[in-house]
Amino acid sequence: MLKKIALAMLFILPMGVFAQTLKFGHFSSSEIITSMPEFTKAQADLQALEKKYTDEIKRTSDEFNAKYQEYQQAMQKDSLPQNIAERRQKELQDMAQRSEQFQKEASQNMQKAQSDLMAPITKKLDDAIKAVGEAEGFTYIFDLSRTAIPYVNDKTSINVTPLVKAKLGLK
């Protein structure tokens, strides 16, 4: 009987000690990232790139509209021979296809640029979180911006947002 109690204590005691050493934290990556100077620069770079694409799309759209209007006017006057009308119609179709292709490429390039610019920012944030987690002895640190966690008990989970900001040199 004494042996069974001792064996049970060997199993229960470590579980109690283990349960007491768990330390949970949470933070908001969106709050931290938006306060990083690297993010502000990345946003400015993305806006500049987007403006270049928007300007080019507008220029090609204006060019297409002008040619289309010219084509419509010529067709209304019945002043174009059939083969010239067909050639201009084909030219307009080609312009529309090129414009559509460019818009698609611009969208893909914007997504890639955003990903490329954000990668070092999120890595820097992740490194800071790991450093805070190791330094403070956390078992888990959850990002409330990236992970859907419906409830966080502030009595048992520590908000480490200020610690991560401090690690990154942010206010």
N, C-alpha and C. Protein backbone atom coordinates (compact mmCIF):
# COMPACT_ATOMS: atom_id res chain seq x y z
N MET A 1 0.82 -1.19 0.00
CA MET A 1 0.00 0.00 0.00
C MET A 1 0.87 1.26 0.00
N LEU A 2 1.86 1.28 0.82
CA LEU A 2 2.78 2.40 0.89
C LEU A 2 3.51 2.56 -0.43
N LYS A 3 3.80 1.45 -1.05
CA LYS A 3 4.48 1.47 -2.35
C LYS A 3 3.60 2.14 -3.40
N LYS A 4 2.28 1.84 -3.38
CA LYS A 4 1.36 2.43 -4.34
C LYS A 4 1.24 3.94 -4.13
N ILE A 5 1.21 4.36 -2.89
CA ILE A 5 1.11 5.79 -2.58
C ILE A 5 2.38 6.50 -3.05
N ALA A 6 3.52 5.91 -2.80
CA ALA A 6 4.79 6.50 -3.23
C ALA A 6 4.85 6.59 -4.75
N LEU A 7 4.38 5.54 -5.43
CA LEU A 7 4.36 5.52 -6.89
C LEU A 7 3.41 6.60 -7.42
N ALA A 8 2.26 6.73 -6.81
CA ALA A 8 1.29 7.75 -7.22
C ALA A 8 1.88 9.15 -7.01
N MET A 9 2.60 9.34 -5.90
CA MET A 9 3.23 10.63 -5.63
C MET A 9 4.30 10.96 -6.68
N LEU A 10 5.00 9.94 -7.14
CA LEU A 10 6.01 10.15 -8.17
C LEU A 10 5.39 10.66 -9.47
N PHE A 11 4.18 10.22 -9.77
CA PHE A 11 3.49 10.67 -10.98
C PHE A 11 2.79 12.02 -10.78
N ILE A 12 2.18 12.20 -9.64
CA ILE A 12 1.39 13.40 -9.39
C ILE A 12 2.29 14.61 -9.12
N LEU A 13 3.32 14.46 -8.34
CA LEU A 13 4.19 15.56 -7.98
C LEU A 13 4.81 16.26 -9.18
N PRO A 14 5.41 15.51 -10.12
CA PRO A 14 5.97 16.21 -11.28
C PRO A 14 4.90 16.93 -12.11
N MET A 15 3.70 16.37 -12.17
CA MET A 15 2.64 17.03 -12.93
C MET A 15 2.26 18.35 -12.28
N GLY A 16 2.22 18.37 -10.97
CA GLY A 16 1.90 19.60 -10.26
C GLY A 16 2.98 20.65 -10.45
N VAL A 17 4.23 20.23 -10.39
CA VAL A 17 5.34 21.15 -10.59
C VAL A 17 5.34 21.64 -12.04
N PHE A 18 5.09 20.74 -12.98
CA PHE A 18 5.07 21.10 -14.40
C PHE A 18 3.95 22.10 -14.68
N ALA A 19 2.79 21.87 -14.10
CA ALA A 19 1.65 22.75 -14.33
C ALA A 19 1.92 24.15 -13.79
N GLN A 20 2.71 24.24 -12.73
CA GLN A 20 3.00 25.54 -12.16
C GLN A 20 4.02 26.33 -12.97
N THR A 21 4.80 25.65 -13.78
CA THR A 21 5.84 26.36 -14.53
C THR A 21 5.38 26.82 -15.91
N LEU A 22 4.18 26.48 -16.30
CA LEU A 22 3.68 26.95 -17.59
C LEU A 22 3.42 28.45 -17.53
N LYS A 23 3.91 29.15 -18.53
CA LYS A 23 3.74 30.59 -18.57
C LYS A 23 3.28 30.96 -19.97
N PHE A 24 2.12 31.60 -20.06
CA PHE A 24 1.54 31.94 -21.35
C PHE A 24 1.56 33.45 -21.56
N GLY A 25 1.76 33.83 -22.82
CA GLY A 25 1.74 35.23 -23.17
C GLY A 25 0.97 35.44 -24.46
N HIS A 26 0.61 36.67 -24.70
CA HIS A 26 -0.08 37.02 -25.94
C HIS A 26 0.35 38.43 -26.34
N PHE A 27 0.19 38.72 -27.62
CA PHE A 27 0.55 40.04 -28.15
C PHE A 27 -0.25 40.29 -29.41
N SER A 28 -0.15 41.51 -29.91
CA SER A 28 -0.84 41.89 -31.14
C SER A 28 0.21 42.29 -32.17
N SER A 29 0.43 41.43 -33.14
CA SER A 29 1.45 41.73 -34.16
C SER A 29 1.07 42.95 -34.99
N SER A 30 -0.22 43.14 -35.24
CA SER A 30 -0.62 44.30 -36.05
C SER A 30 -0.30 45.60 -35.34
N GLU A 31 -0.45 45.63 -34.02
CA GLU A 31 -0.11 46.83 -33.25
C GLU A 31 1.39 47.10 -33.32
N ILE A 32 2.18 46.05 -33.24
CA ILE A 32 3.64 46.21 -33.25
C ILE A 32 4.13 46.56 -34.65
N ILE A 33 3.69 45.81 -35.63
CA ILE A 33 4.17 46.01 -37.01
C ILE A 33 3.88 47.43 -37.49
N THR A 34 2.68 47.92 -37.22
CA THR A 34 2.32 49.25 -37.71
C THR A 34 3.12 50.36 -37.03
N SER A 35 3.77 50.06 -35.91
CA SER A 35 4.59 51.07 -35.25
C SER A 35 6.07 50.95 -35.63
N MET A 36 6.41 49.97 -36.46
CA MET A 36 7.80 49.79 -36.88
C MET A 36 8.13 50.75 -38.04
N PRO A 37 9.28 51.41 -37.98
CA PRO A 37 9.66 52.31 -39.08
C PRO A 37 9.84 51.56 -40.40
N GLU A 38 10.25 50.30 -40.33
CA GLU A 38 10.41 49.49 -41.54
C GLU A 38 9.07 49.32 -42.25
N PHE A 39 8.00 49.20 -41.47
CA PHE A 39 6.67 49.04 -42.05
C PHE A 39 6.24 50.32 -42.76
N THR A 40 6.51 51.46 -42.13
CA THR A 40 6.16 52.74 -42.74
C THR A 40 6.88 52.91 -44.08
N LYS A 41 8.16 52.55 -44.11
CA LYS A 41 8.92 52.64 -45.36
C LYS A 41 8.38 51.66 -46.40
N ALA A 42 8.06 50.46 -45.98
CA ALA A 42 7.51 49.45 -46.90
C ALA A 42 6.19 49.95 -47.49
N GLN A 43 5.34 50.54 -46.67
CA GLN A 43 4.07 51.07 -47.15
C GLN A 43 4.30 52.17 -48.17
N ALA A 44 5.26 53.04 -47.90
CA ALA A 44 5.57 54.13 -48.84
C ALA A 44 6.09 53.57 -50.16
N ASP A 45 6.95 52.57 -50.08
CA ASP A 45 7.49 51.93 -51.29
C ASP A 45 6.37 51.27 -52.10
N LEU A 46 5.45 50.60 -51.40
CA LEU A 46 4.32 49.95 -52.08
C LEU A 46 3.40 50.98 -52.74
N GLN A 47 3.16 52.07 -52.05
CA GLN A 47 2.31 53.12 -52.62
C GLN A 47 2.95 53.74 -53.85
N ALA A 48 4.26 53.93 -53.82
CA ALA A 48 4.97 54.48 -54.98
C ALA A 48 4.89 53.52 -56.16
N LEU A 49 5.08 52.24 -55.90
CA LEU A 49 4.99 51.24 -56.96
C LEU A 49 3.57 51.17 -57.51
N GLU A 50 2.59 51.20 -56.62
CA GLU A 50 1.19 51.15 -57.04
C GLU A 50 0.85 52.36 -57.92
N LYS A 51 1.39 53.52 -57.57
CA LYS A 51 1.14 54.72 -58.38
C LYS A 51 1.72 54.56 -59.78
N LYS A 52 2.89 53.98 -59.89
CA LYS A 52 3.50 53.76 -61.21
C LYS A 52 2.62 52.84 -62.04
N TYR A 53 2.14 51.77 -61.44
CA TYR A 53 1.27 50.84 -62.17
C TYR A 53 -0.06 51.52 -62.53
N THR A 54 -0.62 52.26 -61.60
CA THR A 54 -1.89 52.95 -61.85
C THR A 54 -1.74 53.97 -62.97
N ASP A 55 -0.64 54.71 -62.95
CA ASP A 55 -0.40 55.70 -64.00
C ASP A 55 -0.27 55.03 -65.37
N GLU A 56 0.43 53.91 -65.42
CA GLU A 56 0.61 53.20 -66.70
C GLU A 56 -0.72 52.63 -67.18
N ILE A 57 -1.50 52.09 -66.27
CA ILE A 57 -2.82 51.54 -66.64
C ILE A 57 -3.72 52.66 -67.16
N LYS A 58 -3.68 53.81 -66.51
CA LYS A 58 -4.48 54.95 -66.97
C LYS A 58 -4.02 55.41 -68.34
N ARG A 59 -2.71 55.48 -68.54
CA ARG A 59 -2.18 55.92 -69.83
C ARG A 59 -2.63 54.99 -70.94
N THR A 60 -2.52 53.69 -70.74
CA THR A 60 -2.94 52.74 -71.79
C THR A 60 -4.45 52.76 -71.98
N SER A 61 -5.17 52.97 -70.89
CA SER A 61 -6.63 53.07 -71.00
C SER A 61 -7.04 54.30 -71.80
N ASP A 62 -6.39 55.43 -71.53
CA ASP A 62 -6.67 56.66 -72.28
C ASP A 62 -6.34 56.47 -73.76
N GLU A 63 -5.20 55.82 -74.02
CA GLU A 63 -4.80 55.57 -75.41
C GLU A 63 -5.83 54.68 -76.12
N PHE A 64 -6.28 53.64 -75.43
CA PHE A 64 -7.29 52.75 -76.00
C PHE A 64 -8.58 53.52 -76.27
N ASN A 65 -9.02 54.30 -75.30
CA ASN A 65 -10.27 55.06 -75.45
C ASN A 65 -10.20 56.03 -76.62
N ALA A 66 -9.07 56.68 -76.79
CA ALA A 66 -8.91 57.63 -77.90
C ALA A 66 -8.98 56.88 -79.24
N LYS A 67 -8.29 55.76 -79.35
CA LYS A 67 -8.32 54.99 -80.60
C LYS A 67 -9.71 54.42 -80.86
N TYR A 68 -10.38 54.01 -79.80
CA TYR A 68 -11.72 53.46 -79.96
C TYR A 68 -12.69 54.54 -80.43
N GLN A 69 -12.57 55.72 -79.83
CA GLN A 69 -13.43 56.84 -80.23
C GLN A 69 -13.17 57.21 -81.71
N GLU A 70 -11.91 57.24 -82.08
CA GLU A 70 -11.55 57.54 -83.47
C GLU A 70 -12.13 56.48 -84.41
N TYR A 71 -12.05 55.24 -84.00
CA TYR A 71 -12.60 54.13 -84.79
C TYR A 71 -14.12 54.28 -84.92
N GLN A 72 -14.79 54.59 -83.81
CA GLN A 72 -16.25 54.75 -83.83
C GLN A 72 -16.67 55.90 -84.76
N GLN A 73 -15.95 56.99 -84.69
CA GLN A 73 -16.28 58.14 -85.55
C GLN A 73 -16.09 57.78 -87.02
N ALA A 74 -15.01 57.09 -87.33
CA ALA A 74 -14.75 56.69 -88.71
C ALA A 74 -15.83 55.72 -89.20
N MET A 75 -16.28 54.83 -88.33
CA MET A 75 -17.31 53.86 -88.71
C MET A 75 -18.66 54.56 -88.93
N GLN A 76 -18.94 55.57 -88.12
CA GLN A 76 -20.20 56.30 -88.28
C GLN A 76 -20.23 57.08 -89.60
N LYS A 77 -19.10 57.57 -90.02
CA LYS A 77 -19.02 58.31 -91.28
C LYS A 77 -18.93 57.37 -92.47
N ASP A 78 -18.76 56.10 -92.17
CA ASP A 78 -18.64 55.10 -93.24
C ASP A 78 -17.46 55.41 -94.17
N SER A 79 -16.38 55.93 -93.55
CA SER A 79 -15.25 56.38 -94.37
C SER A 79 -14.11 55.37 -94.45
N LEU A 80 -14.25 54.21 -93.79
CA LEU A 80 -13.17 53.23 -93.79
C LEU A 80 -13.52 52.06 -94.71
N PRO A 81 -12.58 51.67 -95.56
CA PRO A 81 -12.79 50.44 -96.32
C PRO A 81 -12.81 49.26 -95.35
N GLN A 82 -13.43 48.18 -95.75
CA GLN A 82 -13.63 47.00 -94.90
C GLN A 82 -12.32 46.49 -94.31
N ASN A 83 -11.26 46.37 -95.15
CA ASN A 83 -10.01 45.79 -94.65
C ASN A 83 -9.33 46.71 -93.61
N ILE A 84 -9.44 48.02 -93.76
CA ILE A 84 -8.87 48.95 -92.76
C ILE A 84 -9.69 48.89 -91.47
N ALA A 85 -11.00 48.82 -91.59
CA ALA A 85 -11.87 48.72 -90.42
C ALA A 85 -11.55 47.45 -89.63
N GLU A 86 -11.35 46.34 -90.34
CA GLU A 86 -11.02 45.07 -89.67
C GLU A 86 -9.66 45.15 -88.99
N ARG A 87 -8.71 45.80 -89.67
CA ARG A 87 -7.37 45.95 -89.09
C ARG A 87 -7.42 46.79 -87.82
N ARG A 88 -8.17 47.88 -87.83
CA ARG A 88 -8.29 48.73 -86.64
C ARG A 88 -9.02 48.00 -85.51
N GLN A 89 -10.03 47.23 -85.88
CA GLN A 89 -10.76 46.46 -84.88
C GLN A 89 -9.82 45.44 -84.23
N LYS A 90 -9.01 44.78 -85.03
CA LYS A 90 -8.03 43.82 -84.52
C LYS A 90 -7.01 44.52 -83.62
N GLU A 91 -6.58 45.72 -84.03
CA GLU A 91 -5.64 46.51 -83.24
C GLU A 91 -6.24 46.85 -81.87
N LEU A 92 -7.51 47.22 -81.85
CA LEU A 92 -8.19 47.53 -80.60
C LEU A 92 -8.29 46.30 -79.70
N GLN A 93 -8.59 45.15 -80.30
CA GLN A 93 -8.67 43.91 -79.53
C GLN A 93 -7.31 43.57 -78.92
N ASP A 94 -6.26 43.73 -79.71
CA ASP A 94 -4.90 43.46 -79.22
C ASP A 94 -4.55 44.40 -78.06
N MET A 95 -4.90 45.67 -78.22
CA MET A 95 -4.63 46.65 -77.15
C MET A 95 -5.37 46.26 -75.87
N ALA A 96 -6.61 45.84 -76.01
CA ALA A 96 -7.41 45.46 -74.84
C ALA A 96 -6.79 44.23 -74.16
N GLN A 97 -6.34 43.27 -74.95
CA GLN A 97 -5.73 42.06 -74.38
C GLN A 97 -4.41 42.39 -73.68
N ARG A 98 -3.60 43.25 -74.30
CA ARG A 98 -2.33 43.65 -73.68
C ARG A 98 -2.59 44.41 -72.37
N SER A 99 -3.59 45.25 -72.39
CA SER A 99 -3.93 46.02 -71.19
C SER A 99 -4.39 45.08 -70.07
N GLU A 100 -5.21 44.12 -70.41
CA GLU A 100 -5.69 43.15 -69.42
C GLU A 100 -4.53 42.33 -68.87
N GLN A 101 -3.62 41.92 -69.74
CA GLN A 101 -2.45 41.15 -69.32
C GLN A 101 -1.56 41.99 -68.40
N PHE A 102 -1.37 43.25 -68.75
CA PHE A 102 -0.55 44.14 -67.92
C PHE A 102 -1.17 44.32 -66.54
N GLN A 103 -2.48 44.50 -66.48
CA GLN A 103 -3.15 44.67 -65.19
C GLN A 103 -2.97 43.43 -64.32
N LYS A 104 -3.05 42.26 -64.94
CA LYS A 104 -2.85 41.00 -64.22
C LYS A 104 -1.42 40.91 -63.68
N GLU A 105 -0.44 41.25 -64.53
CA GLU A 105 0.96 41.22 -64.12
C GLU A 105 1.22 42.25 -63.02
N ALA A 106 0.62 43.41 -63.15
CA ALA A 106 0.80 44.46 -62.14
C ALA A 106 0.27 43.99 -60.79
N SER A 107 -0.87 43.34 -60.80
CA SER A 107 -1.45 42.82 -59.56
C SER A 107 -0.53 41.77 -58.94
N GLN A 108 -0.02 40.87 -59.75
CA GLN A 108 0.90 39.83 -59.25
C GLN A 108 2.19 40.46 -58.72
N ASN A 109 2.71 41.44 -59.44
CA ASN A 109 3.94 42.11 -59.00
C ASN A 109 3.73 42.87 -57.69
N MET A 110 2.55 43.46 -57.52
CA MET A 110 2.25 44.16 -56.27
C MET A 110 2.19 43.17 -55.10
N GLN A 111 1.58 42.02 -55.33
CA GLN A 111 1.51 41.00 -54.28
C GLN A 111 2.90 40.51 -53.91
N LYS A 112 3.73 40.29 -54.92
CA LYS A 112 5.10 39.82 -54.66
C LYS A 112 5.90 40.90 -53.94
N ALA A 113 5.77 42.14 -54.36
CA ALA A 113 6.49 43.23 -53.71
C ALA A 113 6.06 43.35 -52.24
N GLN A 114 4.77 43.21 -51.99
CA GLN A 114 4.30 43.29 -50.61
C GLN A 114 4.88 42.15 -49.79
N SER A 115 4.87 40.96 -50.35
CA SER A 115 5.43 39.81 -49.66
C SER A 115 6.93 40.00 -49.40
N ASP A 116 7.65 40.46 -50.42
CA ASP A 116 9.10 40.67 -50.28
C ASP A 116 9.43 41.74 -49.26
N LEU A 117 8.63 42.81 -49.22
CA LEU A 117 8.90 43.89 -48.27
C LEU A 117 8.50 43.52 -46.83
N MET A 118 7.47 42.69 -46.69
CA MET A 118 6.99 42.34 -45.36
C MET A 118 7.79 41.19 -44.73
N ALA A 119 8.43 40.35 -45.54
CA ALA A 119 9.15 39.20 -45.01
C ALA A 119 10.20 39.58 -43.96
N PRO A 120 11.08 40.54 -44.24
CA PRO A 120 12.07 40.88 -43.21
C PRO A 120 11.44 41.52 -41.97
N ILE A 121 10.33 42.20 -42.15
CA ILE A 121 9.65 42.83 -41.01
C ILE A 121 9.07 41.76 -40.09
N THR A 122 8.39 40.79 -40.67
CA THR A 122 7.81 39.72 -39.84
C THR A 122 8.91 38.85 -39.23
N LYS A 123 10.01 38.66 -39.93
CA LYS A 123 11.13 37.90 -39.36
C LYS A 123 11.71 38.63 -38.16
N LYS A 124 11.89 39.94 -38.28
CA LYS A 124 12.40 40.74 -37.17
C LYS A 124 11.46 40.64 -35.97
N LEU A 125 10.16 40.72 -36.23
CA LEU A 125 9.17 40.60 -35.17
C LEU A 125 9.23 39.21 -34.53
N ASP A 126 9.28 38.17 -35.36
CA ASP A 126 9.33 36.80 -34.84
C ASP A 126 10.59 36.59 -33.99
N ASP A 127 11.72 37.14 -34.44
CA ASP A 127 12.96 37.01 -33.67
C ASP A 127 12.83 37.70 -32.31
N ALA A 128 12.20 38.86 -32.29
CA ALA A 128 11.99 39.59 -31.03
C ALA A 128 11.07 38.80 -30.10
N ILE A 129 10.04 38.19 -30.65
CA ILE A 129 9.11 37.39 -29.84
C ILE A 129 9.85 36.20 -29.23
N LYS A 130 10.65 35.53 -30.05
CA LYS A 130 11.43 34.38 -29.54
C LYS A 130 12.37 34.83 -28.43
N ALA A 131 13.03 35.97 -28.61
CA ALA A 131 13.95 36.47 -27.60
C ALA A 131 13.21 36.79 -26.29
N VAL A 132 12.06 37.44 -26.40
CA VAL A 132 11.26 37.75 -25.21
C VAL A 132 10.79 36.44 -24.56
N GLY A 133 10.32 35.51 -25.37
CA GLY A 133 9.85 34.23 -24.83
C GLY A 133 10.93 33.49 -24.07
N GLU A 134 12.13 33.45 -24.63
CA GLU A 134 13.24 32.76 -23.96
C GLU A 134 13.69 33.52 -22.71
N ALA A 135 13.81 34.84 -22.83
CA ALA A 135 14.28 35.64 -21.69
C ALA A 135 13.30 35.61 -20.52
N GLU A 136 12.02 35.58 -20.82
CA GLU A 136 11.01 35.64 -19.76
C GLU A 136 10.48 34.27 -19.34
N GLY A 137 10.92 33.22 -20.02
CA GLY A 137 10.53 31.86 -19.65
C GLY A 137 9.11 31.48 -20.02
N PHE A 138 8.62 31.97 -21.15
CA PHE A 138 7.26 31.63 -21.58
C PHE A 138 7.23 30.25 -22.22
N THR A 139 6.13 29.55 -22.01
CA THR A 139 5.90 28.27 -22.67
C THR A 139 5.33 28.52 -24.05
N TYR A 140 4.35 29.42 -24.14
CA TYR A 140 3.72 29.80 -25.40
C TYR A 140 3.47 31.31 -25.40
N ILE A 141 3.61 31.89 -26.59
CA ILE A 141 3.19 33.27 -26.80
C ILE A 141 2.31 33.28 -28.04
N PHE A 142 1.07 33.69 -27.88
CA PHE A 142 0.10 33.67 -28.97
C PHE A 142 -0.04 35.06 -29.59
N ASP A 143 -0.15 35.09 -30.89
CA ASP A 143 -0.39 36.34 -31.62
C ASP A 143 -1.89 36.47 -31.85
N LEU A 144 -2.51 37.41 -31.20
CA LEU A 144 -3.96 37.58 -31.30
C LEU A 144 -4.37 38.16 -32.65
N SER A 145 -3.44 38.73 -33.40
CA SER A 145 -3.76 39.28 -34.72
C SER A 145 -3.76 38.20 -35.80
N ARG A 146 -2.91 37.21 -35.65
CA ARG A 146 -2.77 36.17 -36.67
C ARG A 146 -3.59 34.91 -36.36
N THR A 147 -3.85 34.67 -35.08
CA THR A 147 -4.52 33.44 -34.68
C THR A 147 -5.86 33.79 -34.05
N ALA A 148 -6.88 33.11 -34.48
CA ALA A 148 -8.21 33.35 -33.91
C ALA A 148 -8.31 32.65 -32.56
N ILE A 149 -8.15 33.41 -31.50
CA ILE A 149 -8.31 32.88 -30.15
C ILE A 149 -9.50 33.61 -29.55
N PRO A 150 -10.60 32.89 -29.32
CA PRO A 150 -11.82 33.56 -28.89
C PRO A 150 -11.78 34.13 -27.48
N TYR A 151 -10.87 33.65 -26.65
CA TYR A 151 -10.84 34.13 -25.27
C TYR A 151 -9.41 34.07 -24.75
N VAL A 152 -9.01 35.13 -24.07
CA VAL A 152 -7.71 35.17 -23.41
C VAL A 152 -7.96 35.64 -21.98
N ASN A 153 -7.52 34.85 -21.03
CA ASN A 153 -7.65 35.21 -19.62
C ASN A 153 -6.43 36.04 -19.24
N ASP A 154 -6.61 37.32 -19.01
CA ASP A 154 -5.50 38.22 -18.68
C ASP A 154 -4.86 37.90 -17.33
N LYS A 155 -5.51 37.08 -16.53
CA LYS A 155 -4.94 36.70 -15.23
C LYS A 155 -3.91 35.58 -15.39
N THR A 156 -4.06 34.77 -16.43
CA THR A 156 -3.13 33.66 -16.63
C THR A 156 -2.27 33.80 -17.88
N SER A 157 -2.57 34.78 -18.71
CA SER A 157 -1.77 35.04 -19.91
C SER A 157 -1.31 36.49 -19.87
N ILE A 158 -0.03 36.69 -20.06
CA ILE A 158 0.56 38.02 -19.95
C ILE A 158 0.62 38.67 -21.32
N ASN A 159 0.19 39.93 -21.40
CA ASN A 159 0.30 40.69 -22.65
C ASN A 159 1.76 41.11 -22.80
N VAL A 160 2.46 40.51 -23.76
CA VAL A 160 3.89 40.79 -23.95
C VAL A 160 4.13 41.83 -25.04
N THR A 161 3.07 42.47 -25.54
CA THR A 161 3.23 43.50 -26.56
C THR A 161 4.24 44.57 -26.14
N PRO A 162 4.14 45.11 -24.91
CA PRO A 162 5.14 46.11 -24.50
C PRO A 162 6.57 45.56 -24.46
N LEU A 163 6.73 44.30 -24.06
CA LEU A 163 8.06 43.69 -24.01
C LEU A 163 8.65 43.53 -25.40
N VAL A 164 7.81 43.10 -26.36
CA VAL A 164 8.28 42.92 -27.73
C VAL A 164 8.62 44.28 -28.34
N LYS A 165 7.77 45.28 -28.09
CA LYS A 165 8.05 46.63 -28.59
C LYS A 165 9.38 47.13 -28.03
N ALA A 166 9.61 46.91 -26.75
CA ALA A 166 10.86 47.33 -26.11
C ALA A 166 12.05 46.60 -26.74
N LYS A 167 11.89 45.33 -27.01
CA LYS A 167 12.96 44.54 -27.63
C LYS A 167 13.30 45.10 -29.02
N LEU A 168 12.28 45.60 -29.72
CA LEU A 168 12.47 46.19 -31.05
C LEU A 168 12.87 47.66 -31.00
N GLY A 169 12.91 48.23 -29.80
CA GLY A 169 13.27 49.64 -29.66
C GLY A 169 12.14 50.58 -30.04
N LEU A 170 10.91 50.13 -29.90
CA LEU A 170 9.74 50.93 -30.23
C LEU A 170 9.10 51.47 -28.96
N LYS A 171 8.35 52.53 -29.14
CA LYS A 171 7.63 53.11 -27.98
C LYS A 171 6.21 52.67 -27.96
